[in-house]
Amino acid sequence: MANIEWRRSADNAARQPSASTGAQGVAAAIVRVLQRSGVLFSHCQHAKHHAPPYMSNYCIAVGWCNGRLVRTQFFPRFERLITKATGVVPREDEAHRNYSVV
């Protein structure tokens, strides 16, 4: 039953007029259906990924693994490994940036 409803929603979304045409328009319509149904992040939810201090909201599409990545400190540990191997400090230039919200 859910498969039928998903197909009906995707078909309806694909029929809606769009600024894009062809395959891109169909893909955009499918993405909108997935965002509205909660399968994919909405634009606003995805935008959190681009907000400083860039220490959470790692997963940019669905978010199901964000909690585990934060709890295990996956990316901070990975960054330390990169620094140890290359000498490059991740986000070293961020201390000089102004992150005030406009």
N, C-alpha and C. Protein backbone atom coordinates (compact mmCIF):
# COMPACT_ATOMS: atom_id res chain seq x y z
N MET A 1 0.82 -1.19 0.00
CA MET A 1 0.00 0.00 0.00
C MET A 1 0.87 1.26 0.00
N ALA A 2 1.91 1.27 0.84
CA ALA A 2 2.80 2.43 0.89
C ALA A 2 3.48 2.64 -0.45
N ASN A 3 3.83 1.54 -1.12
CA ASN A 3 4.48 1.64 -2.42
C ASN A 3 3.55 2.30 -3.43
N ILE A 4 2.26 1.97 -3.38
CA ILE A 4 1.29 2.57 -4.29
C ILE A 4 1.17 4.06 -4.00
N GLU A 5 1.07 4.42 -2.72
CA GLU A 5 0.97 5.84 -2.36
C GLU A 5 2.22 6.59 -2.76
N TRP A 6 3.39 5.99 -2.57
CA TRP A 6 4.65 6.65 -2.96
C TRP A 6 4.65 6.90 -4.46
N ARG A 7 4.24 5.89 -5.22
CA ARG A 7 4.23 6.01 -6.68
C ARG A 7 3.25 7.08 -7.12
N ARG A 8 2.08 7.13 -6.48
CA ARG A 8 1.08 8.14 -6.81
C ARG A 8 1.62 9.53 -6.51
N SER A 9 2.27 9.71 -5.36
CA SER A 9 2.85 11.01 -5.00
C SER A 9 3.94 11.41 -5.98
N ALA A 10 4.80 10.47 -6.33
CA ALA A 10 5.89 10.77 -7.26
C ALA A 10 5.33 11.11 -8.64
N ASP A 11 4.30 10.37 -9.07
CA ASP A 11 3.70 10.65 -10.38
C ASP A 11 3.06 12.04 -10.39
N ASN A 12 2.34 12.38 -9.33
CA ASN A 12 1.72 13.71 -9.26
C ASN A 12 2.76 14.81 -9.23
N ALA A 13 3.82 14.61 -8.48
CA ALA A 13 4.88 15.62 -8.40
C ALA A 13 5.57 15.78 -9.75
N ALA A 14 5.75 14.67 -10.46
CA ALA A 14 6.42 14.73 -11.75
C ALA A 14 5.57 15.46 -12.79
N ARG A 15 4.25 15.47 -12.61
CA ARG A 15 3.36 16.13 -13.56
C ARG A 15 3.25 17.63 -13.33
N GLN A 16 3.64 18.10 -12.14
CA GLN A 16 3.52 19.52 -11.84
C GLN A 16 4.48 20.32 -12.70
N PRO A 17 4.02 21.48 -13.23
CA PRO A 17 4.92 22.30 -14.04
C PRO A 17 6.12 22.76 -13.23
N SER A 18 7.24 22.86 -13.89
CA SER A 18 8.47 23.24 -13.21
C SER A 18 9.28 24.12 -14.14
N ALA A 19 10.13 24.96 -13.54
CA ALA A 19 11.03 25.79 -14.34
C ALA A 19 11.99 24.89 -15.11
N SER A 20 12.35 23.76 -14.51
CA SER A 20 13.22 22.80 -15.19
C SER A 20 12.36 21.90 -16.06
N THR A 21 12.94 21.40 -17.11
CA THR A 21 12.20 20.49 -17.97
C THR A 21 12.97 19.20 -18.12
N GLY A 22 12.30 18.21 -18.65
CA GLY A 22 12.95 16.93 -18.91
C GLY A 22 13.34 16.19 -17.65
N ALA A 23 14.44 15.48 -17.73
CA ALA A 23 14.90 14.63 -16.63
C ALA A 23 15.19 15.44 -15.37
N GLN A 24 15.73 16.65 -15.52
CA GLN A 24 16.03 17.48 -14.34
C GLN A 24 14.74 17.86 -13.61
N GLY A 25 13.70 18.18 -14.37
CA GLY A 25 12.42 18.54 -13.77
C GLY A 25 11.81 17.38 -13.01
N VAL A 26 11.89 16.18 -13.60
CA VAL A 26 11.37 14.99 -12.94
C VAL A 26 12.18 14.71 -11.68
N ALA A 27 13.51 14.79 -11.76
CA ALA A 27 14.37 14.55 -10.59
C ALA A 27 14.05 15.54 -9.49
N ALA A 28 13.89 16.82 -9.84
CA ALA A 28 13.57 17.84 -8.83
C ALA A 28 12.23 17.56 -8.19
N ALA A 29 11.26 17.12 -8.97
CA ALA A 29 9.94 16.80 -8.43
C ALA A 29 10.02 15.62 -7.46
N ILE A 30 10.79 14.62 -7.81
CA ILE A 30 10.95 13.46 -6.93
C ILE A 30 11.63 13.87 -5.63
N VAL A 31 12.66 14.71 -5.73
CA VAL A 31 13.33 15.20 -4.53
C VAL A 31 12.35 15.95 -3.64
N ARG A 32 11.50 16.80 -4.23
CA ARG A 32 10.51 17.54 -3.44
C ARG A 32 9.57 16.59 -2.72
N VAL A 33 9.13 15.54 -3.38
CA VAL A 33 8.26 14.55 -2.74
C VAL A 33 8.98 13.90 -1.57
N LEU A 34 10.23 13.52 -1.77
CA LEU A 34 11.00 12.89 -0.70
C LEU A 34 11.23 13.84 0.46
N GLN A 35 11.44 15.12 0.18
CA GLN A 35 11.62 16.11 1.24
C GLN A 35 10.32 16.30 2.01
N ARG A 36 9.21 16.43 1.32
CA ARG A 36 7.91 16.64 1.98
C ARG A 36 7.51 15.44 2.82
N SER A 37 7.92 14.24 2.40
CA SER A 37 7.57 13.04 3.15
C SER A 37 8.53 12.77 4.30
N GLY A 38 9.63 13.54 4.39
CA GLY A 38 10.58 13.36 5.48
C GLY A 38 11.67 12.35 5.20
N VAL A 39 11.67 11.76 4.01
CA VAL A 39 12.72 10.79 3.67
C VAL A 39 14.05 11.53 3.49
N LEU A 40 14.01 12.68 2.84
CA LEU A 40 15.19 13.53 2.69
C LEU A 40 15.01 14.81 3.49
N PHE A 41 16.12 15.44 3.85
CA PHE A 41 16.06 16.73 4.54
C PHE A 41 15.40 17.79 3.67
N SER A 42 14.70 18.69 4.33
CA SER A 42 14.19 19.87 3.64
C SER A 42 15.38 20.80 3.38
N HIS A 43 15.13 21.84 2.59
CA HIS A 43 16.18 22.82 2.31
C HIS A 43 16.68 23.44 3.62
N CYS A 44 15.75 23.80 4.51
CA CYS A 44 16.14 24.42 5.80
C CYS A 44 16.96 23.46 6.66
N GLN A 45 16.55 22.20 6.70
CA GLN A 45 17.30 21.22 7.49
C GLN A 45 18.71 21.03 6.91
N HIS A 46 18.81 20.98 5.60
CA HIS A 46 20.11 20.83 4.96
C HIS A 46 21.00 22.04 5.22
N ALA A 47 20.40 23.23 5.30
CA ALA A 47 21.18 24.46 5.50
C ALA A 47 21.95 24.43 6.81
N LYS A 48 21.46 23.70 7.81
CA LYS A 48 22.17 23.59 9.09
C LYS A 48 23.56 22.99 8.89
N HIS A 49 23.72 22.18 7.86
CA HIS A 49 25.01 21.57 7.55
C HIS A 49 26.04 22.64 7.18
N HIS A 50 25.58 23.76 6.65
CA HIS A 50 26.47 24.83 6.19
C HIS A 50 26.67 25.92 7.24
N ALA A 51 26.16 25.72 8.44
CA ALA A 51 26.25 26.74 9.49
C ALA A 51 27.42 26.46 10.43
N PRO A 52 28.18 27.50 10.77
CA PRO A 52 29.28 27.32 11.71
C PRO A 52 28.74 26.92 13.07
N PRO A 53 29.51 26.24 13.86
CA PRO A 53 30.94 25.98 13.75
C PRO A 53 31.28 24.69 13.03
N TYR A 54 30.36 24.11 12.27
CA TYR A 54 30.62 22.92 11.45
C TYR A 54 31.06 21.72 12.29
N MET A 55 30.47 21.56 13.44
CA MET A 55 30.83 20.45 14.32
C MET A 55 29.66 19.48 14.52
N SER A 56 28.60 19.63 13.73
CA SER A 56 27.46 18.72 13.78
C SER A 56 26.74 18.80 12.44
N ASN A 57 25.64 18.08 12.34
CA ASN A 57 24.86 18.05 11.09
C ASN A 57 25.73 17.64 9.90
N TYR A 58 26.47 16.56 10.10
CA TYR A 58 27.39 16.11 9.07
C TYR A 58 26.66 15.52 7.87
N CYS A 59 25.67 14.70 8.14
CA CYS A 59 24.96 14.01 7.07
C CYS A 59 24.04 15.00 6.37
N ILE A 60 24.23 15.19 5.08
CA ILE A 60 23.55 16.28 4.37
C ILE A 60 22.24 15.89 3.71
N ALA A 61 21.91 14.60 3.68
CA ALA A 61 20.71 14.19 2.96
C ALA A 61 19.60 13.68 3.88
N VAL A 62 19.93 12.80 4.81
CA VAL A 62 18.89 12.19 5.62
C VAL A 62 19.08 12.39 7.13
N GLY A 63 20.28 12.56 7.58
CA GLY A 63 20.53 12.85 8.99
C GLY A 63 20.47 11.69 9.95
N TRP A 64 20.15 10.49 9.48
CA TRP A 64 19.98 9.38 10.40
C TRP A 64 21.27 9.01 11.13
N CYS A 65 22.41 9.37 10.60
CA CYS A 65 23.67 9.00 11.25
C CYS A 65 24.30 10.15 12.04
N ASN A 66 23.71 11.33 12.04
CA ASN A 66 24.31 12.47 12.73
C ASN A 66 24.56 12.21 14.21
N GLY A 67 23.59 11.64 14.89
CA GLY A 67 23.75 11.36 16.33
C GLY A 67 24.92 10.45 16.61
N ARG A 68 25.04 9.40 15.84
CA ARG A 68 26.14 8.45 16.03
C ARG A 68 27.48 9.10 15.70
N LEU A 69 27.53 9.92 14.65
CA LEU A 69 28.79 10.60 14.29
C LEU A 69 29.23 11.55 15.40
N VAL A 70 28.28 12.24 16.03
CA VAL A 70 28.61 13.15 17.12
C VAL A 70 29.04 12.36 18.36
N ARG A 71 28.26 11.33 18.72
CA ARG A 71 28.58 10.53 19.92
C ARG A 71 29.94 9.87 19.84
N THR A 72 30.30 9.38 18.68
CA THR A 72 31.59 8.68 18.54
C THR A 72 32.73 9.63 18.21
N GLN A 73 32.40 10.91 18.04
CA GLN A 73 33.39 11.93 17.67
C GLN A 73 34.17 11.50 16.43
N PHE A 74 33.42 10.96 15.46
CA PHE A 74 34.04 10.43 14.26
C PHE A 74 34.87 11.48 13.53
N PHE A 75 34.27 12.63 13.21
CA PHE A 75 34.99 13.62 12.43
C PHE A 75 36.11 14.31 13.19
N PRO A 76 35.94 14.68 14.46
CA PRO A 76 37.09 15.24 15.18
C PRO A 76 38.27 14.25 15.23
N ARG A 77 37.98 12.98 15.42
CA ARG A 77 39.05 11.98 15.42
C ARG A 77 39.70 11.86 14.04
N PHE A 78 38.87 11.88 13.01
CA PHE A 78 39.37 11.80 11.65
C PHE A 78 40.23 13.02 11.33
N GLU A 79 39.81 14.19 11.79
CA GLU A 79 40.59 15.41 11.58
C GLU A 79 41.95 15.33 12.26
N ARG A 80 41.96 14.78 13.49
CA ARG A 80 43.25 14.62 14.19
C ARG A 80 44.17 13.68 13.41
N LEU A 81 43.61 12.62 12.85
CA LEU A 81 44.39 11.69 12.04
C LEU A 81 44.98 12.40 10.81
N ILE A 82 44.16 13.22 10.15
CA ILE A 82 44.64 13.97 8.98
C ILE A 82 45.75 14.93 9.39
N THR A 83 45.55 15.63 10.51
CA THR A 83 46.57 16.57 10.99
C THR A 83 47.87 15.84 11.29
N LYS A 84 47.76 14.68 11.94
CA LYS A 84 48.95 13.90 12.28
C LYS A 84 49.68 13.44 11.01
N ALA A 85 48.91 13.07 9.99
CA ALA A 85 49.51 12.56 8.75
C ALA A 85 50.05 13.66 7.85
N THR A 86 49.38 14.84 7.85
CA THR A 86 49.75 15.87 6.87
C THR A 86 50.27 17.16 7.49
N GLY A 87 50.00 17.38 8.77
CA GLY A 87 50.38 18.63 9.40
C GLY A 87 49.38 19.76 9.17
N VAL A 88 48.36 19.50 8.37
CA VAL A 88 47.33 20.50 8.08
C VAL A 88 46.29 20.50 9.19
N VAL A 89 45.97 21.69 9.70
CA VAL A 89 44.98 21.82 10.76
C VAL A 89 43.63 22.18 10.13
N PRO A 90 42.61 21.31 10.28
CA PRO A 90 41.30 21.60 9.69
C PRO A 90 40.70 22.89 10.25
N ARG A 91 40.10 23.67 9.37
CA ARG A 91 39.40 24.91 9.72
C ARG A 91 40.29 25.90 10.48
N GLU A 92 41.58 25.85 10.27
CA GLU A 92 42.51 26.75 10.96
C GLU A 92 42.17 28.21 10.67
N ASP A 93 41.67 28.49 9.48
CA ASP A 93 41.35 29.87 9.10
C ASP A 93 40.05 30.38 9.71
N GLU A 94 39.24 29.53 10.32
CA GLU A 94 37.95 29.95 10.85
C GLU A 94 38.07 30.90 12.04
N ALA A 95 39.15 30.87 12.73
CA ALA A 95 39.32 31.77 13.88
C ALA A 95 39.30 33.22 13.45
N HIS A 96 39.60 33.48 12.19
CA HIS A 96 39.67 34.84 11.69
C HIS A 96 38.41 35.28 10.95
N ARG A 97 37.43 34.39 10.85
CA ARG A 97 36.19 34.70 10.14
C ARG A 97 35.16 35.30 11.07
N ASN A 98 34.32 36.15 10.52
CA ASN A 98 33.20 36.73 11.26
C ASN A 98 31.94 35.96 10.87
N TYR A 99 31.37 35.23 11.81
CA TYR A 99 30.20 34.40 11.52
C TYR A 99 28.90 35.05 11.96
N SER A 100 28.87 36.34 12.09
CA SER A 100 27.63 36.99 12.50
C SER A 100 26.55 36.77 11.46
N VAL A 101 25.35 36.57 11.94
CA VAL A 101 24.20 36.32 11.06
C VAL A 101 23.69 37.65 10.54
N VAL A 102 23.47 37.71 9.24
CA VAL A 102 23.00 38.96 8.61
C VAL A 102 21.50 38.97 8.57
